[in-house]
Amino acid sequence: MAKLLAIVLMVVAIWVGLTVYTEGTDRAFGGLFAGSSDSSTLEATETRSTGERAGDALQRAYDVSEGRVDRAVGEAP
């Protein structure tokens, strides 16, 4: 009986882990494991495609890099 219970617990743990891995903490189990209860972030990520979010992340990284270069050039004598 103890072995059966251990197997069932392992299967449930794997299922929970895979669900959180594939859907993220905000979507898995209705946000049960989400760090914050900010629903606006959840709604914003649901309406945007993965490509759009990746494009925004790339643009933010580019802007940071461009700002860093501008500061370095501005400080040169």
PDB file of N, CA and C in Angstrom:
ATOM      1  N   MET A   1       0.820  -1.188   0.000  1.00  0.00           N
ATOM      2  CA  MET A   1       0.000   0.000   0.000  1.00  0.00           C
ATOM      3  C   MET A   1       0.867   1.255   0.000  1.00  0.00           C
ATOM      4  N   ALA A   2       1.963   1.210   0.742  1.00  0.00           N
ATOM      5  CA  ALA A   2       2.852   2.374   0.816  1.00  0.00           C
ATOM      6  C   ALA A   2       3.507   2.638  -0.541  1.00  0.00           C
ATOM      7  N   LYS A   3       3.832   1.563  -1.260  1.00  0.00           N
ATOM      8  CA  LYS A   3       4.441   1.730  -2.586  1.00  0.00           C
ATOM      9  C   LYS A   3       3.440   2.356  -3.555  1.00  0.00           C
ATOM     10  N   LEU A   4       2.207   1.942  -3.484  1.00  0.00           N
ATOM     11  CA  LEU A   4       1.174   2.499  -4.348  1.00  0.00           C
ATOM     12  C   LEU A   4       0.970   3.981  -4.057  1.00  0.00           C
ATOM     13  N   LEU A   5       0.946   4.344  -2.809  1.00  0.00           N
ATOM     14  CA  LEU A   5       0.796   5.746  -2.428  1.00  0.00           C
ATOM     15  C   LEU A   5       1.995   6.570  -2.919  1.00  0.00           C
ATOM     16  N   ALA A   6       3.182   6.025  -2.809  1.00  0.00           N
ATOM     17  CA  ALA A   6       4.380   6.729  -3.273  1.00  0.00           C
ATOM     18  C   ALA A   6       4.334   6.931  -4.782  1.00  0.00           C
ATOM     19  N   ILE A   7       3.888   5.930  -5.517  1.00  0.00           N
ATOM     20  CA  ILE A   7       3.788   6.041  -6.970  1.00  0.00           C
ATOM     21  C   ILE A   7       2.745   7.096  -7.349  1.00  0.00           C
ATOM     22  N   VAL A   8       1.614   7.100  -6.682  1.00  0.00           N
ATOM     23  CA  VAL A   8       0.569   8.082  -6.967  1.00  0.00           C
ATOM     24  C   VAL A   8       1.079   9.496  -6.668  1.00  0.00           C
ATOM     25  N   LEU A   9       1.780   9.671  -5.568  1.00  0.00           N
ATOM     26  CA  LEU A   9       2.322  10.987  -5.238  1.00  0.00           C
ATOM     27  C   LEU A   9       3.361  11.442  -6.259  1.00  0.00           C
ATOM     28  N   MET A  10       4.182  10.526  -6.755  1.00  0.00           N
ATOM     29  CA  MET A  10       5.162  10.882  -7.782  1.00  0.00           C
ATOM     30  C   MET A  10       4.470  11.290  -9.076  1.00  0.00           C
ATOM     31  N   VAL A  11       3.429  10.576  -9.466  1.00  0.00           N
ATOM     32  CA  VAL A  11       2.696  10.913 -10.688  1.00  0.00           C
ATOM     33  C   VAL A  11       2.043  12.281 -10.548  1.00  0.00           C
ATOM     34  N   VAL A  12       1.455  12.562  -9.412  1.00  0.00           N
ATOM     35  CA  VAL A  12       0.829  13.865  -9.185  1.00  0.00           C
ATOM     36  C   VAL A  12       1.890  14.968  -9.193  1.00  0.00           C
ATOM     37  N   ALA A  13       3.029  14.736  -8.581  1.00  0.00           N
ATOM     38  CA  ALA A  13       4.097  15.736  -8.560  1.00  0.00           C
ATOM     39  C   ALA A  13       4.613  16.010  -9.965  1.00  0.00           C
ATOM     40  N   ILE A  14       4.766  14.979 -10.764  1.00  0.00           N
ATOM     41  CA  ILE A  14       5.213  15.159 -12.150  1.00  0.00           C
ATOM     42  C   ILE A  14       4.169  15.927 -12.944  1.00  0.00           C
ATOM     43  N   TRP A  15       2.904  15.605 -12.755  1.00  0.00           N
ATOM     44  CA  TRP A  15       1.825  16.301 -13.461  1.00  0.00           C
ATOM     45  C   TRP A  15       1.791  17.785 -13.093  1.00  0.00           C
ATOM     46  N   VAL A  16       1.898  18.087 -11.818  1.00  0.00           N
ATOM     47  CA  VAL A  16       1.903  19.484 -11.373  1.00  0.00           C
ATOM     48  C   VAL A  16       3.130  20.202 -11.935  1.00  0.00           C
ATOM     49  N   GLY A  17       4.282  19.563 -11.877  1.00  0.00           N
ATOM     50  CA  GLY A  17       5.498  20.171 -12.395  1.00  0.00           C
ATOM     51  C   GLY A  17       5.425  20.442 -13.879  1.00  0.00           C
ATOM     52  N   LEU A  18       4.908  19.502 -14.649  1.00  0.00           N
ATOM     53  CA  LEU A  18       4.789  19.702 -16.092  1.00  0.00           C
ATOM     54  C   LEU A  18       3.774  20.787 -16.428  1.00  0.00           C
ATOM     55  N   THR A  19       2.707  20.860 -15.681  1.00  0.00           N
ATOM     56  CA  THR A  19       1.712  21.899 -15.925  1.00  0.00           C
ATOM     57  C   THR A  19       2.294  23.278 -15.668  1.00  0.00           C
ATOM     58  N   VAL A  20       3.007  23.436 -14.584  1.00  0.00           N
ATOM     59  CA  VAL A  20       3.636  24.720 -14.277  1.00  0.00           C
ATOM     60  C   VAL A  20       4.715  25.024 -15.311  1.00  0.00           C
ATOM     61  N   TYR A  21       5.465  24.014 -15.743  1.00  0.00           N
ATOM     62  CA  TYR A  21       6.524  24.217 -16.730  1.00  0.00           C
ATOM     63  C   TYR A  21       5.954  24.654 -18.079  1.00  0.00           C
ATOM     64  N   THR A  22       4.889  24.028 -18.520  1.00  0.00           N
ATOM     65  CA  THR A  22       4.357  24.335 -19.840  1.00  0.00           C
ATOM     66  C   THR A  22       3.494  25.586 -19.865  1.00  0.00           C
ATOM     67  N   GLU A  23       2.792  25.895 -18.798  1.00  0.00           N
ATOM     68  CA  GLU A  23       1.874  27.030 -18.808  1.00  0.00           C
ATOM     69  C   GLU A  23       2.366  28.215 -17.986  1.00  0.00           C
ATOM     70  N   GLY A  24       3.378  28.034 -17.194  1.00  0.00           N
ATOM     71  CA  GLY A  24       3.873  29.118 -16.353  1.00  0.00           C
ATOM     72  C   GLY A  24       3.058  29.234 -15.078  1.00  0.00           C
ATOM     73  N   THR A  25       3.607  29.955 -14.122  1.00  0.00           N
ATOM     74  CA  THR A  25       2.922  30.051 -12.832  1.00  0.00           C
ATOM     75  C   THR A  25       1.665  30.906 -12.900  1.00  0.00           C
ATOM     76  N   ASP A  26       1.604  31.847 -13.853  1.00  0.00           N
ATOM     77  CA  ASP A  26       0.428  32.712 -13.938  1.00  0.00           C
ATOM     78  C   ASP A  26      -0.806  31.979 -14.448  1.00  0.00           C
ATOM     79  N   ARG A  27      -0.623  31.024 -15.340  1.00  0.00           N
ATOM     80  CA  ARG A  27      -1.762  30.326 -15.932  1.00  0.00           C
ATOM     81  C   ARG A  27      -2.060  28.970 -15.304  1.00  0.00           C
ATOM     82  N   ALA A  28      -1.060  28.316 -14.768  1.00  0.00           N
ATOM     83  CA  ALA A  28      -1.254  26.968 -14.226  1.00  0.00           C
ATOM     84  C   ALA A  28      -2.176  27.013 -13.016  1.00  0.00           C
ATOM     85  N   PHE A  29      -3.207  26.200 -13.063  1.00  0.00           N
ATOM     86  CA  PHE A  29      -4.161  26.052 -11.964  1.00  0.00           C
ATOM     87  C   PHE A  29      -4.767  27.385 -11.547  1.00  0.00           C
ATOM     88  N   GLY A  30      -5.045  28.250 -12.518  1.00  0.00           N
ATOM     89  CA  GLY A  30      -5.684  29.523 -12.231  1.00  0.00           C
ATOM     90  C   GLY A  30      -4.793  30.504 -11.507  1.00  0.00           C
ATOM     91  N   GLY A  31      -3.477  30.368 -11.646  1.00  0.00           N
ATOM     92  CA  GLY A  31      -2.543  31.278 -10.990  1.00  0.00           C
ATOM     93  C   GLY A  31      -2.274  30.931  -9.548  1.00  0.00           C
ATOM     94  N   LEU A  32      -2.505  29.698  -9.175  1.00  0.00           N
ATOM     95  CA  LEU A  32      -2.322  29.263  -7.792  1.00  0.00           C
ATOM     96  C   LEU A  32      -0.889  29.485  -7.309  1.00  0.00           C
ATOM     97  N   PHE A  33       0.080  29.269  -8.194  1.00  0.00           N
ATOM     98  CA  PHE A  33       1.486  29.402  -7.814  1.00  0.00           C
ATOM     99  C   PHE A  33       2.078  30.748  -8.212  1.00  0.00           C
ATOM    100  N   ALA A  34       1.261  31.683  -8.662  1.00  0.00           N
ATOM    101  CA  ALA A  34       1.759  32.987  -9.090  1.00  0.00           C
ATOM    102  C   ALA A  34       2.258  33.773  -7.887  1.00  0.00           C
ATOM    103  N   GLY A  35       3.322  34.532  -8.107  1.00  0.00           N
ATOM    104  CA  GLY A  35       3.913  35.303  -7.018  1.00  0.00           C
ATOM    105  C   GLY A  35       3.055  36.483  -6.604  1.00  0.00           C
ATOM    106  N   SER A  36       2.353  37.107  -7.547  1.00  0.00           N
ATOM    107  CA  SER A  36       1.511  38.259  -7.216  1.00  0.00           C
ATOM    108  C   SER A  36       0.115  38.030  -7.770  1.00  0.00           C
ATOM    109  N   SER A  37      -0.801  38.808  -7.297  1.00  0.00           N
ATOM    110  CA  SER A  37      -2.188  38.677  -7.746  1.00  0.00           C
ATOM    111  C   SER A  37      -2.557  39.758  -8.740  1.00  0.00           C
ATOM    112  N   ASP A  38      -1.575  40.288  -9.474  1.00  0.00           N
ATOM    113  CA  ASP A  38      -1.808  41.352 -10.447  1.00  0.00           C
ATOM    114  C   ASP A  38      -2.444  40.753 -11.691  1.00  0.00           C
ATOM    115  N   SER A  39      -3.740  40.958 -11.872  1.00  0.00           N
ATOM    116  CA  SER A  39      -4.450  40.352 -12.997  1.00  0.00           C
ATOM    117  C   SER A  39      -4.212  41.102 -14.299  1.00  0.00           C
ATOM    118  N   SER A  40      -3.782  42.363 -14.238  1.00  0.00           N
ATOM    119  CA  SER A  40      -3.540  43.111 -15.473  1.00  0.00           C
ATOM    120  C   SER A  40      -2.363  42.525 -16.236  1.00  0.00           C
ATOM    121  N   THR A  41      -1.352  42.040 -15.541  1.00  0.00           N
ATOM    122  CA  THR A  41      -0.215  41.398 -16.197  1.00  0.00           C
ATOM    123  C   THR A  41      -0.661  40.112 -16.864  1.00  0.00           C
ATOM    124  N   LEU A  42      -1.498  39.350 -16.203  1.00  0.00           N
ATOM    125  CA  LEU A  42      -2.000  38.107 -16.763  1.00  0.00           C
ATOM    126  C   LEU A  42      -2.824  38.375 -18.011  1.00  0.00           C
ATOM    127  N   GLU A  43      -3.689  39.383 -17.966  1.00  0.00           N
ATOM    128  CA  GLU A  43      -4.513  39.706 -19.127  1.00  0.00           C
ATOM    129  C   GLU A  43      -3.668  40.202 -20.288  1.00  0.00           C
ATOM    130  N   ALA A  44      -2.628  40.973 -20.002  1.00  0.00           N
ATOM    131  CA  ALA A  44      -1.771  41.502 -21.067  1.00  0.00           C
ATOM    132  C   ALA A  44      -1.010  40.384 -21.764  1.00  0.00           C
ATOM    133  N   THR A  45      -0.545  39.388 -21.021  1.00  0.00           N
ATOM    134  CA  THR A  45       0.211  38.308 -21.642  1.00  0.00           C
ATOM    135  C   THR A  45      -0.697  37.353 -22.393  1.00  0.00           C
ATOM    136  N   GLU A  46      -1.955  37.253 -22.015  1.00  0.00           N
ATOM    137  CA  GLU A  46      -2.870  36.348 -22.706  1.00  0.00           C
ATOM    138  C   GLU A  46      -3.276  36.889 -24.070  1.00  0.00           C
ATOM    139  N   THR A  47      -3.324  38.201 -24.226  1.00  0.00           N
ATOM    140  CA  THR A  47      -3.794  38.767 -25.485  1.00  0.00           C
ATOM    141  C   THR A  47      -2.680  38.931 -26.503  1.00  0.00           C
ATOM    142  N   ARG A  48      -1.433  38.874 -26.094  1.00  0.00           N
ATOM    143  CA  ARG A  48      -0.304  39.067 -26.999  1.00  0.00           C
ATOM    144  C   ARG A  48       0.312  37.730 -27.369  1.00  0.00           C
ATOM    145  N   SER A  49       0.755  37.618 -28.603  1.00  0.00           N
ATOM    146  CA  SER A  49       1.364  36.370 -29.050  1.00  0.00           C
ATOM    147  C   SER A  49       2.800  36.287 -28.532  1.00  0.00           C
ATOM    148  N   THR A  50       3.370  35.110 -28.636  1.00  0.00           N
ATOM    149  CA  THR A  50       4.740  34.905 -28.195  1.00  0.00           C
ATOM    150  C   THR A  50       5.700  35.751 -29.020  1.00  0.00           C
ATOM    151  N   GLY A  51       5.459  35.850 -30.314  1.00  0.00           N
ATOM    152  CA  GLY A  51       6.311  36.664 -31.166  1.00  0.00           C
ATOM    153  C   GLY A  51       6.292  38.131 -30.796  1.00  0.00           C
ATOM    154  N   GLU A  52       5.106  38.644 -30.448  1.00  0.00           N
ATOM    155  CA  GLU A  52       4.997  40.042 -30.041  1.00  0.00           C
ATOM    156  C   GLU A  52       5.735  40.296 -28.740  1.00  0.00           C
ATOM    157  N   ARG A  53       5.606  39.381 -27.782  1.00  0.00           N
ATOM    158  CA  ARG A  53       6.326  39.540 -26.511  1.00  0.00           C
ATOM    159  C   ARG A  53       7.822  39.447 -26.720  1.00  0.00           C
ATOM    160  N   ALA A  54       8.261  38.543 -27.600  1.00  0.00           N
ATOM    161  CA  ALA A  54       9.690  38.427 -27.888  1.00  0.00           C
ATOM    162  C   ALA A  54      10.197  39.683 -28.580  1.00  0.00           C
ATOM    163  N   GLY A  55       9.415  40.232 -29.492  1.00  0.00           N
ATOM    164  CA  GLY A  55       9.800  41.470 -30.165  1.00  0.00           C
ATOM    165  C   GLY A  55       9.922  42.625 -29.191  1.00  0.00           C
ATOM    166  N   ASP A  56       9.007  42.710 -28.245  1.00  0.00           N
ATOM    167  CA  ASP A  56       9.080  43.765 -27.235  1.00  0.00           C
ATOM    168  C   ASP A  56      10.321  43.606 -26.358  1.00  0.00           C
ATOM    169  N   ALA A  57      10.634  42.377 -25.991  1.00  0.00           N
ATOM    170  CA  ALA A  57      11.828  42.133 -25.179  1.00  0.00           C
ATOM    171  C   ALA A  57      13.090  42.512 -25.945  1.00  0.00           C
ATOM    172  N   LEU A  58      13.126  42.189 -27.229  1.00  0.00           N
ATOM    173  CA  LEU A  58      14.262  42.555 -28.061  1.00  0.00           C
ATOM    174  C   LEU A  58      14.385  44.073 -28.171  1.00  0.00           C
ATOM    175  N   GLN A  59      13.278  44.765 -28.341  1.00  0.00           N
ATOM    176  CA  GLN A  59      13.305  46.226 -28.432  1.00  0.00           C
ATOM    177  C   GLN A  59      13.788  46.845 -27.128  1.00  0.00           C
ATOM    178  N   ARG A  60      13.327  46.320 -25.996  1.00  0.00           N
ATOM    179  CA  ARG A  60      13.788  46.844 -24.709  1.00  0.00           C
ATOM    180  C   ARG A  60      15.292  46.642 -24.542  1.00  0.00           C
ATOM    181  N   ALA A  61      15.793  45.469 -24.924  1.00  0.00           N
ATOM    182  CA  ALA A  61      17.229  45.202 -24.819  1.00  0.00           C
ATOM    183  C   ALA A  61      18.018  46.116 -25.743  1.00  0.00           C
ATOM    184  N   TYR A  62      17.503  46.352 -26.937  1.00  0.00           N
ATOM    185  CA  TYR A  62      18.170  47.248 -27.882  1.00  0.00           C
ATOM    186  C   TYR A  62      18.206  48.671 -27.343  1.00  0.00           C
ATOM    187  N   ASP A  63      17.107  49.121 -26.759  1.00  0.00           N
ATOM    188  CA  ASP A  63      17.057  50.474 -26.198  1.00  0.00           C
ATOM    189  C   ASP A  63      18.057  50.645 -25.055  1.00  0.00           C
ATOM    190  N   VAL A  64      18.179  49.628 -24.213  1.00  0.00           N
ATOM    191  CA  VAL A  64      19.146  49.689 -23.119  1.00  0.00           C
ATOM    192  C   VAL A  64      20.558  49.757 -23.679  1.00  0.00           C
ATOM    193  N   SER A  65      20.847  48.939 -24.688  1.00  0.00           N
ATOM    194  CA  SER A  65      22.168  48.929 -25.308  1.00  0.00           C
ATOM    195  C   SER A  65      22.466  50.269 -25.973  1.00  0.00           C
ATOM    196  N   GLU A  66      21.495  50.807 -26.671  1.00  0.00           N
ATOM    197  CA  GLU A  66      21.671  52.093 -27.340  1.00  0.00           C
ATOM    198  C   GLU A  66      21.918  53.212 -26.327  1.00  0.00           C
ATOM    199  N   GLY A  67      21.200  53.185 -25.228  1.00  0.00           N
ATOM    200  CA  GLY A  67      21.412  54.175 -24.170  1.00  0.00           C
ATOM    201  C   GLY A  67      22.797  54.065 -23.561  1.00  0.00           C
ATOM    202  N   ARG A  68      23.272  52.839 -23.396  1.00  0.00           N
ATOM    203  CA  ARG A  68      24.604  52.621 -22.848  1.00  0.00           C
ATOM    204  C   ARG A  68      25.666  53.205 -23.787  1.00  0.00           C
ATOM    205  N   VAL A  69      25.503  52.989 -25.082  1.00  0.00           N
ATOM    206  CA  VAL A  69      26.449  53.530 -26.058  1.00  0.00           C
ATOM    207  C   VAL A  69      26.381  55.049 -26.067  1.00  0.00           C
ATOM    208  N   ASP A  70      25.199  55.615 -26.029  1.00  0.00           N
ATOM    209  CA  ASP A  70      25.049  57.072 -26.007  1.00  0.00           C
ATOM    210  C   ASP A  70      25.725  57.682 -24.786  1.00  0.00           C
ATOM    211  N   ARG A  71      25.588  57.044 -23.639  1.00  0.00           N
ATOM    212  CA  ARG A  71      26.244  57.552 -22.418  1.00  0.00           C
ATOM    213  C   ARG A  71      27.755  57.457 -22.540  1.00  0.00           C
ATOM    214  N   ALA A  72      28.252  56.363 -23.115  1.00  0.00           N
ATOM    215  CA  ALA A  72      29.701  56.190 -23.268  1.00  0.00           C
ATOM    216  C   ALA A  72      30.270  57.213 -24.252  1.00  0.00           C
ATOM    217  N   VAL A  73      29.568  57.475 -25.328  1.00  0.00           N
ATOM    218  CA  VAL A  73      30.036  58.448 -26.306  1.00  0.00           C
ATOM    219  C   VAL A  73      29.954  59.848 -25.728  1.00  0.00           C
ATOM    220  N   GLY A  74      28.949  60.129 -24.965  1.00  0.00           N
ATOM    221  CA  GLY A  74      28.782  61.447 -24.381  1.00  0.00           C
ATOM    222  C   GLY A  74      29.839  61.746 -23.328  1.00  0.00           C
ATOM    223  N   GLU A  75      30.377  60.741 -22.680  1.00  0.00           N
ATOM    224  CA  GLU A  75      31.375  60.930 -21.634  1.00  0.00           C
ATOM    225  C   GLU A  75      32.784  61.031 -22.197  1.00  0.00           C
ATOM    226  N   ALA A  76      32.997  60.657 -23.450  1.00  0.00           N
ATOM    227  CA  ALA A  76      34.340  60.699 -24.038  1.00  0.00           C
ATOM    228  C   ALA A  76      34.771  62.146 -24.237  1.00  0.00           C
ATOM    229  N   PRO A  77      36.086  62.452 -24.040  1.00  0.00           N
ATOM    230  CA  PRO A  77      36.552  63.836 -24.191  1.00  0.00           C
ATOM    231  C   PRO A  77      36.605  64.281 -25.624  1.00  0.00           C
TER     232      PRO A  77
END
